[in-house]
């Protein structure tokens, strides 16, 4: 297994949805938000300086990857004491949203850690409070036969999920073959044939 880590200093930025149509004479073009484009270029330049010698996955030799990302936001003075106080490591529950942050990170890592982000098969994303603003990234290869998927009939505990406020999730037991009386294969919750 190969592992590559990277730290991008500065406040995590999200991928902006705002695009605008610009007219160039007779032609029109869809242009991205300049602030988003600049933030992505800056993060890509910092990641480029920390890049691995060779990408972990290439188009010629695609390897499944696990990408773990921690988006860390500095705790403001107003949240250090009092009723709304937070500590480093506490969940960050404000904007920007996790999905747009992840889109930005996956896009600027393209051509640095991997050639195409479609090889990302697994990963964990956290938005947390911390001492300084930064984005911490760990990209690792997934070996054949290795999986981080839970056992279907297992009960995932809060400690295993890394959550302290959510109740444990109980996954349904896999269907028993022949239970329907027909004896035909049934489809499980993940769409695979049992």
C-alpha atoms as a PDB file:
ATOM      1  CA  UNK A   1       0.000   0.000   0.000  1.00  0.00           C
ATOM      2  CA  UNK A   2       1.287   3.442  -0.944  1.00  0.00           C
ATOM      3  CA  UNK A   3       0.311   6.469   1.142  1.00  0.00           C
ATOM      4  CA  UNK A   4       0.758  10.170   0.364  1.00  0.00           C
ATOM      5  CA  UNK A   5      -0.092  12.995   2.769  1.00  0.00           C
ATOM      6  CA  UNK A   6      -0.434  16.690   2.153  1.00  0.00           C
ATOM      7  CA  UNK A   7      -1.304  19.782   4.210  1.00  0.00           C
ATOM      8  CA  UNK A   8      -2.785  22.853   2.519  1.00  0.00           C
ATOM      9  CA  UNK A   9      -2.531  25.867   4.866  1.00  0.00           C
ATOM     10  CA  UNK A  10      -5.273  28.476   4.895  1.00  0.00           C
ATOM     11  CA  UNK A  11      -9.020  28.452   5.275  1.00  0.00           C
ATOM     12  CA  UNK A  12     -10.598  25.561   3.333  1.00  0.00           C
ATOM     13  CA  UNK A  13     -12.419  26.819   0.243  1.00  0.00           C
ATOM     14  CA  UNK A  14     -15.438  25.288  -1.403  1.00  0.00           C
ATOM     15  CA  UNK A  15     -16.075  24.657  -5.074  1.00  0.00           C
ATOM     16  CA  UNK A  16     -18.307  27.473  -6.238  1.00  0.00           C
ATOM     17  CA  UNK A  17     -21.385  26.698  -8.266  1.00  0.00           C
ATOM     18  CA  UNK A  18     -21.589  30.217  -9.610  1.00  0.00           C
ATOM     19  CA  UNK A  19     -20.732  30.319 -13.289  1.00  0.00           C
ATOM     20  CA  UNK A  20     -21.619  33.084 -15.628  1.00  0.00           C
ATOM     21  CA  UNK A  21     -22.063  33.424 -19.348  1.00  0.00           C
ATOM     22  CA  UNK A  22     -19.657  35.868 -20.959  1.00  0.00           C
ATOM     23  CA  UNK A  23     -20.058  37.129 -24.507  1.00  0.00           C
ATOM     24  CA  UNK A  24     -16.925  37.315 -26.686  1.00  0.00           C
ATOM     25  CA  UNK A  25     -18.083  39.034 -29.875  1.00  0.00           C
ATOM     26  CA  UNK A  26     -20.461  36.557 -31.523  1.00  0.00           C
ATOM     27  CA  UNK A  27     -19.508  33.685 -29.194  1.00  0.00           C
ATOM     28  CA  UNK A  28     -20.620  33.007 -25.652  1.00  0.00           C
ATOM     29  CA  UNK A  29     -18.714  31.023 -23.033  1.00  0.00           C
ATOM     30  CA  UNK A  30     -19.421  29.647 -19.566  1.00  0.00           C
ATOM     31  CA  UNK A  31     -16.835  31.041 -17.141  1.00  0.00           C
ATOM     32  CA  UNK A  32     -16.222  29.942 -13.546  1.00  0.00           C
ATOM     33  CA  UNK A  33     -16.151  32.271 -10.562  1.00  0.00           C
ATOM     34  CA  UNK A  34     -12.682  33.927 -10.552  1.00  0.00           C
ATOM     35  CA  UNK A  35     -12.332  33.554  -6.757  1.00  0.00           C
ATOM     36  CA  UNK A  36     -12.975  29.811  -6.973  1.00  0.00           C
ATOM     37  CA  UNK A  37     -10.566  29.419  -9.885  1.00  0.00           C
ATOM     38  CA  UNK A  38      -7.853  31.352  -7.992  1.00  0.00           C
ATOM     39  CA  UNK A  39      -8.378  29.348  -4.769  1.00  0.00           C
ATOM     40  CA  UNK A  40      -8.132  26.069  -6.704  1.00  0.00           C
ATOM     41  CA  UNK A  41      -4.938  27.221  -8.461  1.00  0.00           C
ATOM     42  CA  UNK A  42      -3.356  28.267  -5.144  1.00  0.00           C
ATOM     43  CA  UNK A  43      -4.188  24.964  -3.439  1.00  0.00           C
ATOM     44  CA  UNK A  44      -2.958  22.999  -6.466  1.00  0.00           C
ATOM     45  CA  UNK A  45       0.363  24.892  -6.389  1.00  0.00           C
ATOM     46  CA  UNK A  46       0.866  24.049  -2.690  1.00  0.00           C
ATOM     47  CA  UNK A  47      -0.072  20.388  -3.260  1.00  0.00           C
ATOM     48  CA  UNK A  48       2.281  20.285  -6.279  1.00  0.00           C
ATOM     49  CA  UNK A  49       5.223  21.191  -4.011  1.00  0.00           C
ATOM     50  CA  UNK A  50       4.349  18.204  -1.777  1.00  0.00           C
ATOM     51  CA  UNK A  51       3.483  15.813  -4.640  1.00  0.00           C
ATOM     52  CA  UNK A  52       4.531  12.158  -4.760  1.00  0.00           C
ATOM     53  CA  UNK A  53       7.263  11.135  -7.239  1.00  0.00           C
ATOM     54  CA  UNK A  54       4.644   9.386  -9.373  1.00  0.00           C
ATOM     55  CA  UNK A  55       0.854   9.566  -9.164  1.00  0.00           C
ATOM     56  CA  UNK A  56      -0.663   6.789  -7.056  1.00  0.00           C
ATOM     57  CA  UNK A  57      -3.084   5.958  -9.886  1.00  0.00           C
ATOM     58  CA  UNK A  58      -2.778   6.640 -13.608  1.00  0.00           C
ATOM     59  CA  UNK A  59      -5.118   6.204 -16.565  1.00  0.00           C
ATOM     60  CA  UNK A  60      -2.814   3.480 -17.930  1.00  0.00           C
ATOM     61  CA  UNK A  61      -2.756   1.641 -14.571  1.00  0.00           C
ATOM     62  CA  UNK A  62      -5.899   2.607 -12.592  1.00  0.00           C
ATOM     63  CA  UNK A  63      -5.690   1.671  -8.918  1.00  0.00           C
ATOM     64  CA  UNK A  64      -8.538   2.246  -6.453  1.00  0.00           C
ATOM     65  CA  UNK A  65      -7.755   4.962  -3.918  1.00  0.00           C
ATOM     66  CA  UNK A  66      -8.888   5.917  -0.443  1.00  0.00           C
ATOM     67  CA  UNK A  67      -8.888   9.687   0.183  1.00  0.00           C
ATOM     68  CA  UNK A  68      -9.226  10.913   3.770  1.00  0.00           C
ATOM     69  CA  UNK A  69      -9.648  14.672   4.192  1.00  0.00           C
ATOM     70  CA  UNK A  70      -9.851  16.815   7.333  1.00  0.00           C
ATOM     71  CA  UNK A  71     -11.058  20.373   6.728  1.00  0.00           C
ATOM     72  CA  UNK A  72      -9.877  22.274   9.811  1.00  0.00           C
ATOM     73  CA  UNK A  73     -11.305  25.697  10.671  1.00  0.00           C
ATOM     74  CA  UNK A  74      -9.618  27.940  13.256  1.00  0.00           C
ATOM     75  CA  UNK A  75     -11.734  28.583  16.327  1.00  0.00           C
ATOM     76  CA  UNK A  76     -12.731  32.275  16.477  1.00  0.00           C
ATOM     77  CA  UNK A  77     -12.302  34.137  19.766  1.00  0.00           C
ATOM     78  CA  UNK A  78     -16.074  34.369  20.156  1.00  0.00           C
ATOM     79  CA  UNK A  79     -16.328  30.541  20.284  1.00  0.00           C
ATOM     80  CA  UNK A  80     -13.489  29.938  22.779  1.00  0.00           C
ATOM     81  CA  UNK A  81     -15.532  30.599  25.940  1.00  0.00           C
ATOM     82  CA  UNK A  82     -19.111  30.666  27.030  1.00  0.00           C
ATOM     83  CA  UNK A  83     -22.206  28.721  26.098  1.00  0.00           C
ATOM     84  CA  UNK A  84     -21.180  28.147  22.442  1.00  0.00           C
ATOM     85  CA  UNK A  85     -17.555  27.252  23.165  1.00  0.00           C
ATOM     86  CA  UNK A  86     -15.881  24.643  20.957  1.00  0.00           C
ATOM     87  CA  UNK A  87     -12.636  22.723  21.319  1.00  0.00           C
ATOM     88  CA  UNK A  88     -10.161  21.546  18.692  1.00  0.00           C
ATOM     89  CA  UNK A  89     -11.522  18.378  17.132  1.00  0.00           C
ATOM     90  CA  UNK A  90     -15.183  19.266  17.663  1.00  0.00           C
ATOM     91  CA  UNK A  91     -17.381  18.996  14.541  1.00  0.00           C
ATOM     92  CA  UNK A  92     -17.694  22.156  12.439  1.00  0.00           C
ATOM     93  CA  UNK A  93     -21.417  22.537  11.672  1.00  0.00           C
ATOM     94  CA  UNK A  94     -21.441  25.815   9.767  1.00  0.00           C
ATOM     95  CA  UNK A  95     -20.977  26.737   6.130  1.00  0.00           C
ATOM     96  CA  UNK A  96     -19.255  25.853   3.826  1.00  0.00           C
ATOM     97  CA  UNK A  97     -20.829  22.467   3.273  1.00  0.00           C
ATOM     98  CA  UNK A  98     -18.793  19.276   3.198  1.00  0.00           C
ATOM     99  CA  UNK A  99     -19.701  18.221  -0.360  1.00  0.00           C
ATOM    100  CA  UNK A 100     -18.480  21.411  -2.019  1.00  0.00           C
ATOM    101  CA  UNK A 101     -15.280  21.375   0.057  1.00  0.00           C
ATOM    102  CA  UNK A 102     -14.616  17.794  -1.048  1.00  0.00           C
ATOM    103  CA  UNK A 103     -15.255  18.605  -4.724  1.00  0.00           C
ATOM    104  CA  UNK A 104     -12.626  21.333  -4.567  1.00  0.00           C
ATOM    105  CA  UNK A 105     -10.053  19.066  -2.865  1.00  0.00           C
ATOM    106  CA  UNK A 106     -10.619  16.206  -5.328  1.00  0.00           C
ATOM    107  CA  UNK A 107     -10.247  18.577  -8.276  1.00  0.00           C
ATOM    108  CA  UNK A 108      -6.986  20.174  -7.189  1.00  0.00           C
ATOM    109  CA  UNK A 109      -5.452  16.784  -6.372  1.00  0.00           C
ATOM    110  CA  UNK A 110      -6.148  15.603  -9.927  1.00  0.00           C
ATOM    111  CA  UNK A 111      -2.875  15.239 -11.903  1.00  0.00           C
ATOM    112  CA  UNK A 112      -0.936  15.341  -8.608  1.00  0.00           C
ATOM    113  CA  UNK A 113      -1.985  12.263  -6.609  1.00  0.00           C
ATOM    114  CA  UNK A 114      -4.033  10.672  -9.409  1.00  0.00           C
ATOM    115  CA  UNK A 115      -4.835  11.357 -13.052  1.00  0.00           C
ATOM    116  CA  UNK A 116      -8.607  11.028 -12.756  1.00  0.00           C
ATOM    117  CA  UNK A 117     -10.742  11.375  -9.629  1.00  0.00           C
ATOM    118  CA  UNK A 118     -13.045   8.527 -10.721  1.00  0.00           C
ATOM    119  CA  UNK A 119     -10.519   6.094  -9.100  1.00  0.00           C
ATOM    120  CA  UNK A 120     -11.503   7.319  -5.613  1.00  0.00           C
ATOM    121  CA  UNK A 121     -13.411   4.377  -4.181  1.00  0.00           C
ATOM    122  CA  UNK A 122     -13.298   5.060  -0.443  1.00  0.00           C
ATOM    123  CA  UNK A 123     -12.558   7.777   2.046  1.00  0.00           C
ATOM    124  CA  UNK A 124     -13.543   9.815   5.040  1.00  0.00           C
ATOM    125  CA  UNK A 125     -14.280  13.523   5.144  1.00  0.00           C
ATOM    126  CA  UNK A 126     -14.426  15.569   8.346  1.00  0.00           C
ATOM    127  CA  UNK A 127     -15.089  19.245   9.034  1.00  0.00           C
ATOM    128  CA  UNK A 128     -13.613  20.074  12.415  1.00  0.00           C
ATOM    129  CA  UNK A 129     -12.555  22.997  14.559  1.00  0.00           C
ATOM    130  CA  UNK A 130      -8.825  23.428  15.187  1.00  0.00           C
ATOM    131  CA  UNK A 131      -6.076  25.840  16.138  1.00  0.00           C
ATOM    132  CA  UNK A 132      -5.251  26.950  12.561  1.00  0.00           C
ATOM    133  CA  UNK A 133      -7.071  26.883   9.227  1.00  0.00           C
ATOM    134  CA  UNK A 134      -5.813  24.013   7.060  1.00  0.00           C
ATOM    135  CA  UNK A 135      -6.785  21.054   4.921  1.00  0.00           C
ATOM    136  CA  UNK A 136      -5.128  17.715   5.763  1.00  0.00           C
ATOM    137  CA  UNK A 137      -5.212  15.048   3.072  1.00  0.00           C
ATOM    138  CA  UNK A 138      -4.115  11.405   3.057  1.00  0.00           C
ATOM    139  CA  UNK A 139      -4.364   9.397  -0.181  1.00  0.00           C
ATOM    140  CA  UNK A 140      -3.675   5.662  -0.069  1.00  0.00           C
ATOM    141  CA  UNK A 141      -3.987   2.807  -2.522  1.00  0.00           C
ATOM    142  CA  UNK A 142      -6.498   0.043  -1.891  1.00  0.00           C
ATOM    143  CA  UNK A 143      -5.007  -3.387  -2.465  1.00  0.00           C
ATOM    144  CA  UNK A 144      -6.994  -6.128  -4.192  1.00  0.00           C
ATOM    145  CA  UNK A 145      -9.126  -7.972  -1.633  1.00  0.00           C
ATOM    146  CA  UNK A 146      -8.790  -5.159   0.911  1.00  0.00           C
ATOM    147  CA  UNK A 147     -11.988  -3.405   1.875  1.00  0.00           C
ATOM    148  CA  UNK A 148     -13.130  -0.995   4.515  1.00  0.00           C
ATOM    149  CA  UNK A 149     -16.817  -1.816   4.013  1.00  0.00           C
ATOM    150  CA  UNK A 150     -18.632  -3.016   7.131  1.00  0.00           C
ATOM    151  CA  UNK A 151     -19.787  -6.593   7.568  1.00  0.00           C
ATOM    152  CA  UNK A 152     -23.487  -6.536   6.502  1.00  0.00           C
ATOM    153  CA  UNK A 153     -24.908  -7.957   9.733  1.00  0.00           C
ATOM    154  CA  UNK A 154     -22.611  -5.987  12.046  1.00  0.00           C
ATOM    155  CA  UNK A 155     -23.710  -3.173  14.292  1.00  0.00           C
ATOM    156  CA  UNK A 156     -21.394  -0.215  13.950  1.00  0.00           C
ATOM    157  CA  UNK A 157     -20.565   1.354  17.296  1.00  0.00           C
ATOM    158  CA  UNK A 158     -20.209   5.076  17.839  1.00  0.00           C
ATOM    159  CA  UNK A 159     -16.498   4.723  18.546  1.00  0.00           C
ATOM    160  CA  UNK A 160     -15.887   2.902  15.252  1.00  0.00           C
ATOM    161  CA  UNK A 161     -17.739   5.618  13.329  1.00  0.00           C
ATOM    162  CA  UNK A 162     -15.944   8.414  15.145  1.00  0.00           C
ATOM    163  CA  UNK A 163     -19.219  10.072  16.144  1.00  0.00           C
ATOM    164  CA  UNK A 164     -20.309  10.849  19.656  1.00  0.00           C
ATOM    165  CA  UNK A 165     -23.768  12.334  19.154  1.00  0.00           C
ATOM    166  CA  UNK A 166     -25.421   9.954  16.660  1.00  0.00           C
ATOM    167  CA  UNK A 167     -27.063   6.684  17.637  1.00  0.00           C
ATOM    168  CA  UNK A 168     -25.409   3.510  16.338  1.00  0.00           C
ATOM    169  CA  UNK A 169     -26.458   2.350  12.893  1.00  0.00           C
ATOM    170  CA  UNK A 170     -27.767  -1.181  12.572  1.00  0.00           C
ATOM    171  CA  UNK A 171     -27.431  -2.625   9.077  1.00  0.00           C
ATOM    172  CA  UNK A 172     -30.054  -5.125   7.867  1.00  0.00           C
ATOM    173  CA  UNK A 173     -29.137  -8.797   7.809  1.00  0.00           C
ATOM    174  CA  UNK A 174     -28.529 -10.236   4.337  1.00  0.00           C
ATOM    175  CA  UNK A 175     -31.499 -12.066   2.814  1.00  0.00           C
ATOM    176  CA  UNK A 176     -31.576 -15.824   3.329  1.00  0.00           C
ATOM    177  CA  UNK A 177     -31.588 -17.802   0.108  1.00  0.00           C
ATOM    178  CA  UNK A 178     -34.764 -19.753  -0.359  1.00  0.00           C
ATOM    179  CA  UNK A 179     -36.637 -17.724   2.276  1.00  0.00           C
ATOM    180  CA  UNK A 180     -39.096 -16.463  -0.323  1.00  0.00           C
ATOM    181  CA  UNK A 181     -40.074 -20.041  -1.156  1.00  0.00           C
ATOM    182  CA  UNK A 182     -39.030 -19.704  -4.790  1.00  0.00           C
ATOM    183  CA  UNK A 183     -35.333 -20.457  -4.281  1.00  0.00           C
ATOM    184  CA  UNK A 184     -34.246 -17.753  -6.732  1.00  0.00           C
ATOM    185  CA  UNK A 185     -31.396 -15.368  -5.972  1.00  0.00           C
ATOM    186  CA  UNK A 186     -32.491 -12.153  -4.330  1.00  0.00           C
ATOM    187  CA  UNK A 187     -30.979  -8.708  -4.518  1.00  0.00           C
ATOM    188  CA  UNK A 188     -29.338  -7.389  -1.341  1.00  0.00           C
ATOM    189  CA  UNK A 189     -29.277  -3.803  -0.102  1.00  0.00           C
ATOM    190  CA  UNK A 190     -26.125  -3.028  -2.118  1.00  0.00           C
ATOM    191  CA  UNK A 191     -27.567  -4.239  -5.404  1.00  0.00           C
ATOM    192  CA  UNK A 192     -25.482  -7.398  -5.572  1.00  0.00           C
ATOM    193  CA  UNK A 193     -26.911 -10.812  -6.189  1.00  0.00           C
ATOM    194  CA  UNK A 194     -26.875 -13.180  -3.184  1.00  0.00           C
END
